[in-house]
Amino acid sequence: MLNVVDLILIGRLSVLEILKKMQEDGDDLNSIQFDYEINKEIENLPHKQNFQFCLGRLSALQYLKEFIKIGNDLNLLNLENLIQQNLSEIKDEELSREAKNLVIVKTISSKSVEALENSTSFYSDSKIISDLKKCENLLDSLLRRKSTNQEMLSDEFPKEFEEAEKTRINRKLQTIKPDFDDAIEFMKLNTKLFILFQKKEEWNEIPNYVIDAFFQIKNIQNLSTNQKGNESKQEISMDTKILGKIYCKKILDFFEKLNSQ
């Protein structure tokens, strides 16, 4: 699990990098309605999957509000220094590296689209969505393999398989054909994770850090879907990308090693 303080720092960074982009575009940062932004964040707090990130965003918004309140000009604030300071305080090496990569990419993107696309650090919205799908497909493959190995999952989890089968029958009437015509293809991710959690000790081949990563990507998948759904032009937030990249990599690397044995 990632350090709580590190996650709060990433939340702060997600606010600072947005303001830095606004500053570069010539927007008046003093006109931002911080009370509104803070209240909106507080209202959403109980529904947030990445609670620590949210606390970080709140702390950054409160700091900036106080900065203006005492008579300072937010447009003159050295946001780059604040960003670098927050980056230097992140203890987890992997989290720090991914955060630095995304901050570098943000700088590149304002100068050259071509440079951004060629950057090894680039992690686009489509890439994170693709990686999330790959991870879910690996979970599907695991459940199918266990089912064919006489595990009889459908007998052990009749309610879950029955609901998925009903969905499968209803979806068959649609023109888009699924990759697999079975109940697992039509199960909700929550259901598949429930089965994985119930069987983890018996199967004894999936380490706890991979199971934790699967539960984390469920939250990330919800966040990325909501962010893209609310505003079609809105990018998936920096904190969601960082968490998505880290946990997807843990899952993909594990199964790549497992399948190569």
Protein backbone atom coordinates (compact mmCIF):
# COMPACT_ATOMS: atom_id res chain seq x y z
CA MET A 1 0.00 0.00 0.00
CA LEU A 2 1.18 3.53 -0.77
CA ASN A 3 2.06 6.00 1.97
CA VAL A 4 -0.89 8.21 3.00
CA VAL A 5 1.24 11.37 3.13
CA ASP A 6 2.59 10.65 -0.35
CA LEU A 7 -0.95 10.33 -1.71
CA ILE A 8 -1.90 13.66 -0.09
CA LEU A 9 1.11 15.27 -1.80
CA ILE A 10 -0.06 13.93 -5.17
CA GLY A 11 -3.48 15.47 -4.49
CA ARG A 12 -1.79 18.83 -3.87
CA LEU A 13 0.21 18.43 -7.08
CA SER A 14 -2.96 17.84 -9.11
CA VAL A 15 -4.20 21.32 -8.09
CA LEU A 16 -0.85 23.06 -8.53
CA GLU A 17 -0.26 21.72 -12.04
CA ILE A 18 -3.74 22.87 -13.16
CA LEU A 19 -3.06 26.37 -11.82
CA LYS A 20 0.37 26.42 -13.45
CA LYS A 21 -1.25 25.66 -16.83
CA MET A 22 -3.79 28.45 -16.21
CA GLN A 23 -0.95 30.80 -15.30
CA GLU A 24 0.88 29.93 -18.54
CA ASP A 25 -2.33 30.59 -20.50
CA GLY A 26 -2.59 34.07 -18.97
CA ASP A 27 -5.67 33.42 -16.83
CA ASP A 28 -6.25 35.59 -13.75
CA LEU A 29 -5.74 33.19 -10.84
CA ASN A 30 -7.00 35.78 -8.34
CA SER A 31 -10.48 35.45 -9.85
CA ILE A 32 -10.79 31.77 -8.91
CA GLN A 33 -13.70 31.18 -6.52
CA PHE A 34 -11.81 29.12 -3.97
CA ASP A 35 -14.72 28.94 -1.52
CA TYR A 36 -16.82 27.31 -4.24
CA GLU A 37 -14.03 24.87 -5.20
CA ILE A 38 -13.41 23.95 -1.55
CA ASN A 39 -17.10 23.39 -0.84
CA LYS A 40 -17.46 21.30 -3.99
CA GLU A 41 -14.52 19.12 -2.90
CA ILE A 42 -15.96 18.73 0.62
CA GLU A 43 -19.38 17.76 -0.74
CA ASN A 44 -17.79 15.07 -2.91
CA LEU A 45 -15.47 13.83 -0.16
CA PRO A 46 -17.72 10.98 1.11
CA HIS A 47 -18.10 9.70 -2.46
CA LYS A 48 -14.42 9.88 -3.39
CA GLN A 49 -12.58 6.62 -3.96
CA ASN A 50 -9.15 8.29 -3.59
CA PHE A 51 -9.78 9.91 -0.21
CA GLN A 52 -6.15 10.93 0.44
CA PHE A 53 -5.87 12.64 -2.95
CA CYS A 54 -9.00 14.60 -2.11
CA LEU A 55 -7.51 15.74 1.20
CA GLY A 56 -4.42 16.89 -0.68
CA ARG A 57 -6.50 18.91 -3.12
CA LEU A 58 -8.39 20.48 -0.22
CA SER A 59 -5.16 21.48 1.54
CA ALA A 60 -3.81 23.06 -1.65
CA LEU A 61 -7.03 25.00 -2.28
CA GLN A 62 -7.11 26.24 1.32
CA TYR A 63 -3.46 27.36 1.10
CA LEU A 64 -4.11 29.29 -2.10
CA LYS A 65 -7.24 30.88 -0.63
CA GLU A 66 -5.26 32.12 2.39
CA PHE A 67 -2.47 33.34 0.08
CA ILE A 68 -4.93 35.72 -1.62
CA LYS A 69 -6.73 36.58 1.62
CA ILE A 70 -3.62 38.19 3.14
CA GLY A 71 -3.23 40.42 0.09
CA ASN A 72 -0.84 38.46 -2.13
CA ASP A 73 -1.12 38.27 -5.92
CA LEU A 74 -1.63 34.63 -6.90
CA ASN A 75 -0.52 35.40 -10.46
CA LEU A 76 2.98 36.13 -9.10
CA LEU A 77 3.24 32.93 -7.08
CA ASN A 78 6.07 30.66 -8.22
CA LEU A 79 3.98 27.55 -8.81
CA GLU A 80 6.92 25.70 -10.36
CA ASN A 81 8.83 25.96 -7.07
CA LEU A 82 5.80 24.67 -5.14
CA ILE A 83 5.45 21.74 -7.54
CA GLN A 84 9.13 20.82 -7.21
CA GLN A 85 8.93 21.14 -3.42
CA ASN A 86 5.99 18.73 -3.29
CA LEU A 87 7.74 16.30 -5.64
CA SER A 88 10.85 16.29 -3.42
CA GLU A 89 8.79 15.34 -0.35
CA ILE A 90 7.32 12.15 -1.86
CA LYS A 91 9.04 9.19 -0.19
CA ASP A 92 7.87 6.29 -2.35
CA GLU A 93 10.35 6.02 -5.25
CA GLU A 94 7.87 4.58 -7.76
CA LEU A 95 5.20 7.17 -6.94
CA SER A 96 7.77 9.98 -7.07
CA ARG A 97 9.05 8.80 -10.46
CA GLU A 98 5.57 8.63 -12.00
CA ALA A 99 4.63 12.04 -10.57
CA LYS A 100 7.80 13.61 -11.98
CA ASN A 101 7.15 11.98 -15.35
CA LEU A 102 3.64 13.42 -15.55
CA VAL A 103 4.78 16.89 -14.47
CA ILE A 104 7.50 16.80 -17.15
CA VAL A 105 4.94 15.71 -19.75
CA LYS A 106 2.65 18.60 -18.77
CA THR A 107 5.54 20.98 -19.48
CA ILE A 108 6.34 19.30 -22.79
CA SER A 109 2.71 19.28 -23.92
CA SER A 110 2.42 23.06 -23.74
CA LYS A 111 5.38 23.36 -26.12
CA SER A 112 5.15 20.49 -28.59
CA VAL A 113 2.46 17.89 -29.25
CA GLU A 114 4.97 15.81 -31.20
CA ALA A 115 7.42 15.82 -28.28
CA LEU A 116 4.62 14.74 -25.97
CA GLU A 117 3.61 11.81 -28.15
CA ASN A 118 7.23 10.66 -28.43
CA SER A 119 7.89 10.94 -24.71
CA THR A 120 8.43 7.62 -22.91
CA SER A 121 6.67 9.18 -19.91
CA PHE A 122 3.47 9.87 -21.86
CA TYR A 123 0.40 8.24 -20.32
CA SER A 124 -2.68 9.32 -22.22
CA ASP A 125 -6.32 8.93 -21.22
CA SER A 126 -6.75 6.22 -23.84
CA LYS A 127 -3.67 4.39 -22.51
CA ILE A 128 -4.92 4.22 -18.93
CA ILE A 129 -8.36 3.03 -20.09
CA SER A 130 -6.66 0.39 -22.26
CA ASP A 131 -4.49 -0.81 -19.36
CA LEU A 132 -7.49 -1.02 -17.04
CA LYS A 133 -9.25 -3.18 -19.63
CA LYS A 134 -6.18 -5.42 -19.99
CA CYS A 135 -6.13 -5.99 -16.23
CA GLU A 136 -9.81 -6.89 -16.15
CA ASN A 137 -9.28 -9.28 -19.08
CA LEU A 138 -6.51 -11.00 -17.11
CA LEU A 139 -8.91 -11.46 -14.21
CA ASP A 140 -11.48 -12.90 -16.63
CA SER A 141 -8.88 -15.35 -17.97
CA LEU A 142 -8.01 -16.44 -14.45
CA LEU A 143 -11.66 -17.15 -13.62
CA ARG A 144 -12.16 -19.04 -16.89
CA ARG A 145 -9.06 -21.14 -16.26
CA LYS A 146 -10.27 -22.01 -12.79
CA SER A 147 -13.73 -22.88 -14.12
CA THR A 148 -12.33 -25.29 -16.69
CA ASN A 149 -10.04 -26.86 -14.07
CA GLN A 150 -13.06 -28.43 -12.35
CA GLU A 151 -13.38 -25.58 -9.87
CA MET A 152 -17.12 -25.42 -10.61
CA LEU A 153 -17.35 -21.75 -9.76
CA SER A 154 -20.91 -21.59 -11.03
CA ASP A 155 -21.96 -24.13 -8.37
CA GLU A 156 -20.10 -22.25 -5.65
CA PHE A 157 -21.39 -18.82 -6.67
CA PRO A 158 -24.83 -19.56 -8.17
CA LYS A 159 -26.33 -16.10 -7.56
CA GLU A 160 -23.41 -14.30 -9.20
CA PHE A 161 -23.38 -16.58 -12.25
CA GLU A 162 -27.17 -16.47 -12.60
CA GLU A 163 -27.20 -12.65 -12.68
CA ALA A 164 -24.40 -12.60 -15.24
CA GLU A 165 -26.18 -15.21 -17.36
CA LYS A 166 -29.34 -13.07 -17.41
CA THR A 167 -27.26 -10.13 -18.62
CA ARG A 168 -25.62 -12.33 -21.25
CA ILE A 169 -28.98 -13.46 -22.66
CA ASN A 170 -30.30 -9.88 -22.80
CA ARG A 171 -27.12 -8.58 -24.43
CA LYS A 172 -27.18 -11.29 -27.10
CA LEU A 173 -30.04 -9.41 -28.72
CA GLN A 174 -27.67 -6.51 -29.44
CA THR A 175 -25.67 -6.30 -32.65
CA ILE A 176 -22.24 -5.95 -30.97
CA LYS A 177 -20.84 -9.40 -30.29
CA PRO A 178 -18.86 -9.96 -27.05
CA ASP A 179 -15.34 -11.42 -27.08
CA PHE A 180 -16.56 -14.42 -25.09
CA ASP A 181 -20.07 -15.79 -24.95
CA ASP A 182 -20.07 -16.84 -21.30
CA ALA A 183 -21.26 -15.58 -17.92
CA ILE A 184 -17.82 -14.28 -16.89
CA GLU A 185 -17.78 -11.90 -19.87
CA PHE A 186 -20.94 -10.26 -18.53
CA MET A 187 -20.05 -10.14 -14.84
CA LYS A 188 -19.56 -6.81 -13.14
CA LEU A 189 -16.03 -6.15 -11.96
CA ASN A 190 -17.25 -6.05 -8.36
CA THR A 191 -18.62 -9.58 -8.73
CA LYS A 192 -15.38 -10.92 -10.20
CA LEU A 193 -13.38 -9.31 -7.39
CA PHE A 194 -15.74 -10.85 -4.83
CA ILE A 195 -15.05 -14.32 -6.26
CA LEU A 196 -11.31 -13.66 -6.36
CA PHE A 197 -11.30 -12.53 -2.73
CA GLN A 198 -13.33 -15.55 -1.59
CA LYS A 199 -11.02 -18.00 -3.39
CA LYS A 200 -7.63 -16.34 -2.79
CA GLU A 201 -6.50 -18.68 0.00
CA GLU A 202 -7.65 -21.81 -1.79
CA TRP A 203 -6.03 -20.87 -5.08
CA ASN A 204 -2.88 -19.66 -3.31
CA GLU A 205 -1.24 -18.39 -6.49
CA ILE A 206 -2.21 -14.73 -6.53
CA PRO A 207 -0.17 -12.70 -3.99
CA ASN A 208 -1.91 -10.17 -1.77
CA TYR A 209 -0.32 -7.18 -3.50
CA VAL A 210 -1.88 -8.24 -6.82
CA ILE A 211 -5.31 -8.76 -5.21
CA ASP A 212 -4.98 -5.31 -3.62
CA ALA A 213 -4.05 -3.87 -7.02
CA PHE A 214 -7.19 -5.39 -8.57
CA PHE A 215 -9.36 -3.71 -5.95
CA GLN A 216 -7.51 -0.44 -6.53
CA ILE A 217 -8.11 -0.52 -10.29
CA LYS A 218 -11.83 -0.94 -9.63
CA ASN A 219 -11.74 2.46 -7.91
CA ILE A 220 -9.58 3.93 -10.66
CA GLN A 221 -11.89 2.55 -13.34
CA ASN A 222 -14.85 4.25 -11.64
CA LEU A 223 -12.94 7.53 -11.38
CA SER A 224 -11.74 7.53 -14.99
CA THR A 225 -15.23 6.68 -16.26
CA ASN A 226 -16.83 9.44 -14.19
CA GLN A 227 -14.24 12.03 -15.19
CA LYS A 228 -14.60 11.28 -18.90
CA GLY A 229 -18.37 11.04 -18.60
CA ASN A 230 -18.94 14.34 -16.80
CA GLU A 231 -17.15 16.45 -19.39
CA SER A 232 -16.14 15.00 -22.72
CA LYS A 233 -13.21 17.42 -23.00
CA GLN A 234 -12.01 16.93 -19.43
CA GLU A 235 -8.76 15.02 -19.02
CA ILE A 236 -8.46 12.23 -16.49
CA SER A 237 -6.84 13.84 -13.45
CA MET A 238 -3.15 13.54 -12.68
CA ASP A 239 -3.68 11.62 -9.43
CA THR A 240 -5.95 9.08 -11.14
CA LYS A 241 -3.38 8.55 -13.90
CA ILE A 242 -0.53 8.02 -11.44
CA LEU A 243 -2.44 5.51 -9.35
CA GLY A 244 -3.75 3.78 -12.48
CA LYS A 245 -0.33 3.40 -14.02
CA ILE A 246 1.25 2.03 -10.84
CA TYR A 247 -1.43 -0.55 -10.03
CA CYS A 248 -1.96 -1.67 -13.63
CA LYS A 249 1.80 -2.24 -13.94
CA LYS A 250 1.81 -4.42 -10.81
CA ILE A 251 -0.93 -6.63 -12.30
CA LEU A 252 0.45 -6.75 -15.84
CA ASP A 253 4.01 -7.52 -14.68
CA PHE A 254 2.82 -10.33 -12.37
CA PHE A 255 0.78 -12.09 -15.04
CA GLU A 256 3.49 -11.64 -17.66
CA LYS A 257 5.95 -13.40 -15.32
CA LEU A 258 3.36 -16.06 -14.40
CA ASN A 259 2.54 -16.83 -18.04
CA SER A 260 6.21 -17.06 -19.00
CA GLN A 261 6.90 -19.83 -16.48
